[in-house]
Amino acid sequence: MRRGILFVVSGPSGVGKTSMIKSIISEMEDAVFSVSCTTRPKRPGEVDGEDYFFVSEEEFKRMIEEDAFLEWARVHGYLYGTPRKFVEDTVNKGKDVILDIDVQGALSVKKKVEDAVYIFIAPPSIEDLRERLEKRKTEDKEAMERRLEDARWELQLIEEFDYLIINRDLVEAINDLKSIMRSERLKTARQKEMIEKYRMEVMGWKGK
């Protein structure tokens, strides 16, 4: 059985990461979404346990003390963390795990997990991102400006990632993400079990 792959998808808030990942999860077999923990308030339409595990700051800090997170960070004033056990158990079962985390969190994971695949989702421009955040209507003006300022910093870190997808069109961006995932699954370094199988078959044939 092949070992699953950890795909870390990151980029500025409002760039379309969540929509892309939801589409991927519904279409690709053996790919699951890693639900993060957060202390931020639940937005309209979000489901606890599906979009995030919504916890209190006290509970989150207790989990930090228990080393329950693969990574955690304070972003836009709230705490976010990736549950370690779920990721490790799922990858060991041969399923791919997709993380939807901020850039700061992605770089923290990169220090610990070298064989993961790091994908940056970017907007065509800062102005385009501003328009998307305005349409979302989930933050006040001050919070939106803070997210745009964070985005300017995050865009300077693109070269820390393995792949860059520019989300000009959602369908095209989803297809780009699918292509990356399929290509990574086909790498010889990730198919050692099959390579060993062929090697044994060839050795058996030579012995006849």
C-alpha atoms as a PDB file:
ATOM      1  CA  MET A   1       0.000   0.000   0.000  1.00  0.00           C
ATOM      2  CA  ARG A   2       1.334   3.393  -0.955  1.00  0.00           C
ATOM      3  CA  ARG A   3       1.853   6.016   1.707  1.00  0.00           C
ATOM      4  CA  GLY A   4      -0.452   8.994   1.373  1.00  0.00           C
ATOM      5  CA  ILE A   5       0.781  12.471   0.485  1.00  0.00           C
ATOM      6  CA  LEU A   6       0.343  15.611   2.554  1.00  0.00           C
ATOM      7  CA  PHE A   7      -0.694  18.523   0.300  1.00  0.00           C
ATOM      8  CA  VAL A   8      -0.359  21.904   1.994  1.00  0.00           C
ATOM      9  CA  VAL A   9      -2.504  24.491   0.195  1.00  0.00           C
ATOM     10  CA  SER A  10      -1.923  28.075   1.227  1.00  0.00           C
ATOM     11  CA  GLY A  11      -2.286  31.673   0.105  1.00  0.00           C
ATOM     12  CA  PRO A  12      -3.955  34.943   1.100  1.00  0.00           C
ATOM     13  CA  SER A  13      -7.359  34.951   2.768  1.00  0.00           C
ATOM     14  CA  GLY A  14     -10.158  35.246   0.188  1.00  0.00           C
ATOM     15  CA  VAL A  15      -8.179  33.820  -2.736  1.00  0.00           C
ATOM     16  CA  GLY A  16     -10.488  30.809  -3.190  1.00  0.00           C
ATOM     17  CA  LYS A  17      -8.606  28.020  -1.399  1.00  0.00           C
ATOM     18  CA  THR A  18     -11.650  26.624   0.393  1.00  0.00           C
ATOM     19  CA  SER A  19     -13.807  26.452  -2.753  1.00  0.00           C
ATOM     20  CA  MET A  20     -11.009  24.714  -4.650  1.00  0.00           C
ATOM     21  CA  ILE A  21     -10.409  22.148  -1.930  1.00  0.00           C
ATOM     22  CA  LYS A  22     -14.105  21.330  -1.489  1.00  0.00           C
ATOM     23  CA  SER A  23     -14.307  20.561  -5.211  1.00  0.00           C
ATOM     24  CA  ILE A  24     -11.192  18.370  -5.063  1.00  0.00           C
ATOM     25  CA  ILE A  25     -12.464  16.386  -2.063  1.00  0.00           C
ATOM     26  CA  SER A  26     -15.791  15.692  -3.797  1.00  0.00           C
ATOM     27  CA  GLU A  27     -14.130  14.470  -7.010  1.00  0.00           C
ATOM     28  CA  MET A  28     -10.838  12.769  -6.143  1.00  0.00           C
ATOM     29  CA  GLU A  29     -10.699   9.394  -4.444  1.00  0.00           C
ATOM     30  CA  ASP A  30      -8.315   8.848  -1.539  1.00  0.00           C
ATOM     31  CA  ALA A  31      -8.118  12.587  -0.759  1.00  0.00           C
ATOM     32  CA  VAL A  32      -9.427  13.923   2.536  1.00  0.00           C
ATOM     33  CA  PHE A  33      -9.598  17.371   4.096  1.00  0.00           C
ATOM     34  CA  SER A  34      -7.797  17.965   7.370  1.00  0.00           C
ATOM     35  CA  VAL A  35     -10.130  19.955   9.586  1.00  0.00           C
ATOM     36  CA  SER A  36      -8.239  22.586  11.576  1.00  0.00           C
ATOM     37  CA  CYS A  37      -9.039  23.923  15.030  1.00  0.00           C
ATOM     38  CA  THR A  38      -9.679  27.638  15.478  1.00  0.00           C
ATOM     39  CA  THR A  39     -10.772  30.123  18.108  1.00  0.00           C
ATOM     40  CA  ARG A  40     -12.405  32.483  15.611  1.00  0.00           C
ATOM     41  CA  PRO A  41     -16.212  32.834  15.542  1.00  0.00           C
ATOM     42  CA  LYS A  42     -18.164  30.581  13.201  1.00  0.00           C
ATOM     43  CA  ARG A  43     -19.272  32.273   9.961  1.00  0.00           C
ATOM     44  CA  PRO A  44     -22.762  31.826   8.470  1.00  0.00           C
ATOM     45  CA  GLY A  45     -23.045  28.435   6.754  1.00  0.00           C
ATOM     46  CA  GLU A  46     -19.996  26.911   8.447  1.00  0.00           C
ATOM     47  CA  VAL A  47     -20.374  23.552  10.192  1.00  0.00           C
ATOM     48  CA  ASP A  48     -18.414  22.611  13.311  1.00  0.00           C
ATOM     49  CA  GLY A  49     -16.320  19.518  12.560  1.00  0.00           C
ATOM     50  CA  GLU A  50     -16.524  19.992   8.793  1.00  0.00           C
ATOM     51  CA  ASP A  51     -15.137  23.462   8.122  1.00  0.00           C
ATOM     52  CA  TYR A  52     -13.285  23.847  11.432  1.00  0.00           C
ATOM     53  CA  PHE A  53     -13.358  22.586  14.979  1.00  0.00           C
ATOM     54  CA  PHE A  54     -14.444  25.751  16.790  1.00  0.00           C
ATOM     55  CA  VAL A  55     -12.905  25.812  20.272  1.00  0.00           C
ATOM     56  CA  SER A  56     -12.325  28.333  23.039  1.00  0.00           C
ATOM     57  CA  GLU A  57      -8.930  29.957  23.508  1.00  0.00           C
ATOM     58  CA  GLU A  58      -8.564  28.071  26.795  1.00  0.00           C
ATOM     59  CA  GLU A  59      -9.189  24.714  25.089  1.00  0.00           C
ATOM     60  CA  PHE A  60      -6.794  25.588  22.265  1.00  0.00           C
ATOM     61  CA  LYS A  61      -4.001  26.459  24.700  1.00  0.00           C
ATOM     62  CA  ARG A  62      -4.551  23.163  26.513  1.00  0.00           C
ATOM     63  CA  MET A  63      -4.087  21.334  23.190  1.00  0.00           C
ATOM     64  CA  ILE A  64      -0.838  23.256  22.596  1.00  0.00           C
ATOM     65  CA  GLU A  65       0.468  22.035  25.949  1.00  0.00           C
ATOM     66  CA  GLU A  66      -0.418  18.457  24.942  1.00  0.00           C
ATOM     67  CA  ASP A  67       1.534  18.833  21.651  1.00  0.00           C
ATOM     68  CA  ALA A  68      -1.665  18.029  19.756  1.00  0.00           C
ATOM     69  CA  PHE A  69      -0.877  20.258  16.757  1.00  0.00           C
ATOM     70  CA  LEU A  70       1.360  19.694  13.759  1.00  0.00           C
ATOM     71  CA  GLU A  71       1.470  23.490  13.594  1.00  0.00           C
ATOM     72  CA  TRP A  72      -0.396  26.377  15.123  1.00  0.00           C
ATOM     73  CA  ALA A  73      -0.344  30.141  14.782  1.00  0.00           C
ATOM     74  CA  ARG A  74      -2.231  33.285  15.671  1.00  0.00           C
ATOM     75  CA  VAL A  75      -3.646  34.784  12.476  1.00  0.00           C
ATOM     76  CA  HIS A  76      -5.816  37.921  12.218  1.00  0.00           C
ATOM     77  CA  GLY A  77      -6.127  37.817  16.011  1.00  0.00           C
ATOM     78  CA  TYR A  78      -7.345  34.207  16.268  1.00  0.00           C
ATOM     79  CA  LEU A  79      -5.587  30.889  16.906  1.00  0.00           C
ATOM     80  CA  TYR A  80      -5.492  28.191  14.204  1.00  0.00           C
ATOM     81  CA  GLY A  81      -3.951  24.722  14.464  1.00  0.00           C
ATOM     82  CA  THR A  82      -3.613  21.469  12.500  1.00  0.00           C
ATOM     83  CA  PRO A  83      -4.363  18.317  14.551  1.00  0.00           C
ATOM     84  CA  ARG A  84      -1.250  16.125  14.353  1.00  0.00           C
ATOM     85  CA  LYS A  85      -2.782  12.676  14.956  1.00  0.00           C
ATOM     86  CA  PHE A  86      -5.382  12.895  12.172  1.00  0.00           C
ATOM     87  CA  VAL A  87      -2.786  13.846   9.557  1.00  0.00           C
ATOM     88  CA  GLU A  88      -0.298  11.161  10.561  1.00  0.00           C
ATOM     89  CA  ASP A  89      -2.904   8.374  10.835  1.00  0.00           C
ATOM     90  CA  THR A  90      -4.552   9.230   7.506  1.00  0.00           C
ATOM     91  CA  VAL A  91      -1.296   9.399   5.536  1.00  0.00           C
ATOM     92  CA  ASN A  92      -0.214   6.067   7.018  1.00  0.00           C
ATOM     93  CA  LYS A  93      -3.483   4.527   5.775  1.00  0.00           C
ATOM     94  CA  GLY A  94      -2.589   5.490   2.191  1.00  0.00           C
ATOM     95  CA  LYS A  95      -4.914   8.463   1.839  1.00  0.00           C
ATOM     96  CA  ASP A  96      -3.812  11.926   0.748  1.00  0.00           C
ATOM     97  CA  VAL A  97      -4.461  14.765   3.187  1.00  0.00           C
ATOM     98  CA  ILE A  98      -5.120  18.354   2.096  1.00  0.00           C
ATOM     99  CA  LEU A  99      -4.348  21.148   4.535  1.00  0.00           C
ATOM    100  CA  ASP A 100      -5.923  24.564   3.987  1.00  0.00           C
ATOM    101  CA  ILE A 101      -3.754  26.820   6.122  1.00  0.00           C
ATOM    102  CA  ASP A 102      -2.300  30.315   6.137  1.00  0.00           C
ATOM    103  CA  VAL A 103       1.203  31.000   4.827  1.00  0.00           C
ATOM    104  CA  GLN A 104       2.703  31.292   8.304  1.00  0.00           C
ATOM    105  CA  GLY A 105       1.318  27.857   9.187  1.00  0.00           C
ATOM    106  CA  ALA A 106       2.474  26.322   5.908  1.00  0.00           C
ATOM    107  CA  LEU A 107       6.049  27.428   6.521  1.00  0.00           C
ATOM    108  CA  SER A 108       5.887  25.963  10.035  1.00  0.00           C
ATOM    109  CA  VAL A 109       4.794  22.602   8.607  1.00  0.00           C
ATOM    110  CA  LYS A 110       7.581  22.771   6.016  1.00  0.00           C
ATOM    111  CA  LYS A 111      10.185  22.824   8.788  1.00  0.00           C
ATOM    112  CA  LYS A 112       8.788  19.541  10.136  1.00  0.00           C
ATOM    113  CA  VAL A 113       7.491  17.674   7.055  1.00  0.00           C
ATOM    114  CA  GLU A 114       9.938  17.751   4.147  1.00  0.00           C
ATOM    115  CA  ASP A 115       8.152  15.266   1.873  1.00  0.00           C
ATOM    116  CA  ALA A 116       4.868  17.199   1.800  1.00  0.00           C
ATOM    117  CA  VAL A 117       3.827  19.159  -1.310  1.00  0.00           C
ATOM    118  CA  TYR A 118       3.470  22.922  -0.817  1.00  0.00           C
ATOM    119  CA  ILE A 119       1.073  24.805  -3.114  1.00  0.00           C
ATOM    120  CA  PHE A 120       0.505  28.577  -3.116  1.00  0.00           C
ATOM    121  CA  ILE A 121      -2.808  29.948  -4.434  1.00  0.00           C
ATOM    122  CA  ALA A 122      -2.533  33.589  -5.523  1.00  0.00           C
ATOM    123  CA  PRO A 123      -4.961  36.201  -6.876  1.00  0.00           C
ATOM    124  CA  PRO A 124      -4.281  37.875 -10.238  1.00  0.00           C
ATOM    125  CA  SER A 125      -3.645  41.119  -8.308  1.00  0.00           C
ATOM    126  CA  ILE A 126      -4.096  42.766  -4.904  1.00  0.00           C
ATOM    127  CA  GLU A 127      -6.980  44.798  -6.327  1.00  0.00           C
ATOM    128  CA  ASP A 128      -8.709  41.601  -7.449  1.00  0.00           C
ATOM    129  CA  LEU A 129      -8.292  40.219  -3.927  1.00  0.00           C
ATOM    130  CA  ARG A 130      -9.786  43.403  -2.457  1.00  0.00           C
ATOM    131  CA  GLU A 131     -12.877  42.967  -4.658  1.00  0.00           C
ATOM    132  CA  ARG A 132     -13.274  39.339  -3.557  1.00  0.00           C
ATOM    133  CA  LEU A 133     -13.062  40.267   0.125  1.00  0.00           C
ATOM    134  CA  GLU A 134     -15.607  43.063  -0.357  1.00  0.00           C
ATOM    135  CA  LYS A 135     -18.044  40.637  -2.024  1.00  0.00           C
ATOM    136  CA  ARG A 136     -17.596  38.110   0.791  1.00  0.00           C
ATOM    137  CA  LYS A 137     -18.846  40.664   3.352  1.00  0.00           C
ATOM    138  CA  THR A 138     -17.547  38.691   6.341  1.00  0.00           C
ATOM    139  CA  GLU A 139     -15.260  41.402   7.776  1.00  0.00           C
ATOM    140  CA  ASP A 140     -15.528  45.089   8.531  1.00  0.00           C
ATOM    141  CA  LYS A 141     -13.302  47.555   6.667  1.00  0.00           C
ATOM    142  CA  GLU A 142     -10.552  47.479   9.296  1.00  0.00           C
ATOM    143  CA  ALA A 143     -10.362  43.664   9.268  1.00  0.00           C
ATOM    144  CA  MET A 144     -10.341  43.625   5.468  1.00  0.00           C
ATOM    145  CA  GLU A 145      -7.446  46.092   5.306  1.00  0.00           C
ATOM    146  CA  ARG A 146      -5.557  43.931   7.795  1.00  0.00           C
ATOM    147  CA  ARG A 147      -6.061  40.888   5.551  1.00  0.00           C
ATOM    148  CA  LEU A 148      -4.842  42.827   2.508  1.00  0.00           C
ATOM    149  CA  GLU A 149      -1.752  43.942   4.403  1.00  0.00           C
ATOM    150  CA  ASP A 150      -1.096  40.316   5.360  1.00  0.00           C
ATOM    151  CA  ALA A 151      -1.556  39.321   1.709  1.00  0.00           C
ATOM    152  CA  ARG A 152       1.153  41.760   0.597  1.00  0.00           C
ATOM    153  CA  TRP A 153       3.556  40.051   3.017  1.00  0.00           C
ATOM    154  CA  GLU A 154       2.436  36.538   2.030  1.00  0.00           C
ATOM    155  CA  LEU A 155       2.903  37.152  -1.698  1.00  0.00           C
ATOM    156  CA  GLN A 156       6.591  37.818  -1.067  1.00  0.00           C
ATOM    157  CA  LEU A 157       7.004  34.220   0.142  1.00  0.00           C
ATOM    158  CA  ILE A 158       5.757  32.404  -2.974  1.00  0.00           C
ATOM    159  CA  GLU A 159       9.197  30.963  -3.749  1.00  0.00           C
ATOM    160  CA  GLU A 160       9.095  28.991  -0.489  1.00  0.00           C
ATOM    161  CA  PHE A 161       6.436  26.789  -2.136  1.00  0.00           C
ATOM    162  CA  ASP A 162       6.695  23.993  -4.726  1.00  0.00           C
ATOM    163  CA  TYR A 163       3.867  25.185  -6.965  1.00  0.00           C
ATOM    164  CA  LEU A 164       2.056  28.444  -7.771  1.00  0.00           C
ATOM    165  CA  ILE A 165      -1.556  28.503  -8.991  1.00  0.00           C
ATOM    166  CA  ILE A 166      -3.009  31.884  -9.988  1.00  0.00           C
ATOM    167  CA  ASN A 167      -6.766  31.780  -9.461  1.00  0.00           C
ATOM    168  CA  ARG A 168      -7.993  33.806 -12.434  1.00  0.00           C
ATOM    169  CA  ASP A 169     -10.802  31.323 -13.074  1.00  0.00           C
ATOM    170  CA  LEU A 170     -12.031  28.908 -10.392  1.00  0.00           C
ATOM    171  CA  VAL A 171     -12.594  25.908 -12.693  1.00  0.00           C
ATOM    172  CA  GLU A 172      -9.165  26.323 -14.277  1.00  0.00           C
ATOM    173  CA  ALA A 173      -7.519  26.683 -10.860  1.00  0.00           C
ATOM    174  CA  ILE A 174      -9.251  23.519  -9.605  1.00  0.00           C
ATOM    175  CA  ASN A 175      -7.987  21.620 -12.652  1.00  0.00           C
ATOM    176  CA  ASP A 176      -4.464  22.914 -11.984  1.00  0.00           C
ATOM    177  CA  LEU A 177      -4.658  21.611  -8.417  1.00  0.00           C
ATOM    178  CA  LYS A 178      -5.920  18.220  -9.635  1.00  0.00           C
ATOM    179  CA  SER A 179      -3.035  18.023 -12.107  1.00  0.00           C
ATOM    180  CA  ILE A 180      -0.489  18.684  -9.364  1.00  0.00           C
ATOM    181  CA  MET A 181      -1.980  16.015  -7.117  1.00  0.00           C
ATOM    182  CA  ARG A 182      -2.099  13.427  -9.894  1.00  0.00           C
ATOM    183  CA  SER A 183       1.463  14.197 -10.977  1.00  0.00           C
ATOM    184  CA  GLU A 184       2.756  13.850  -7.422  1.00  0.00           C
ATOM    185  CA  ARG A 185       1.026  10.482  -7.066  1.00  0.00           C
ATOM    186  CA  LEU A 186       2.795   9.265 -10.228  1.00  0.00           C
ATOM    187  CA  LYS A 187       6.330  10.178  -9.138  1.00  0.00           C
ATOM    188  CA  THR A 188       8.616   7.148  -9.021  1.00  0.00           C
ATOM    189  CA  ALA A 189       9.742   8.131  -5.523  1.00  0.00           C
ATOM    190  CA  ARG A 190       6.153   7.615  -4.338  1.00  0.00           C
ATOM    191  CA  GLN A 191       5.657   4.265  -6.112  1.00  0.00           C
ATOM    192  CA  LYS A 192       8.461   2.212  -4.616  1.00  0.00           C
ATOM    193  CA  GLU A 193       6.133  -0.690  -3.832  1.00  0.00           C
ATOM    194  CA  MET A 194       5.214  -1.096  -7.519  1.00  0.00           C
ATOM    195  CA  ILE A 195       8.830  -0.669  -8.605  1.00  0.00           C
ATOM    196  CA  GLU A 196       9.884  -3.408  -6.192  1.00  0.00           C
ATOM    197  CA  LYS A 197       7.097  -5.640  -7.531  1.00  0.00           C
ATOM    198  CA  TYR A 198       8.397  -5.238 -11.100  1.00  0.00           C
ATOM    199  CA  ARG A 199      11.946  -5.853  -9.921  1.00  0.00           C
ATOM    200  CA  MET A 200      10.933  -9.140  -8.287  1.00  0.00           C
ATOM    201  CA  GLU A 201       8.985 -10.204 -11.389  1.00  0.00           C
ATOM    202  CA  VAL A 202      11.995  -9.505 -13.620  1.00  0.00           C
ATOM    203  CA  MET A 203      14.293 -11.433 -11.296  1.00  0.00           C
ATOM    204  CA  GLY A 204      11.858 -14.356 -11.336  1.00  0.00           C
ATOM    205  CA  TRP A 205      11.706 -14.298 -15.139  1.00  0.00           C
ATOM    206  CA  LYS A 206      15.516 -14.273 -15.416  1.00  0.00           C
ATOM    207  CA  GLY A 207      15.718 -17.317 -13.172  1.00  0.00           C
ATOM    208  CA  LYS A 208      13.579 -19.433 -15.484  1.00  0.00           C
END
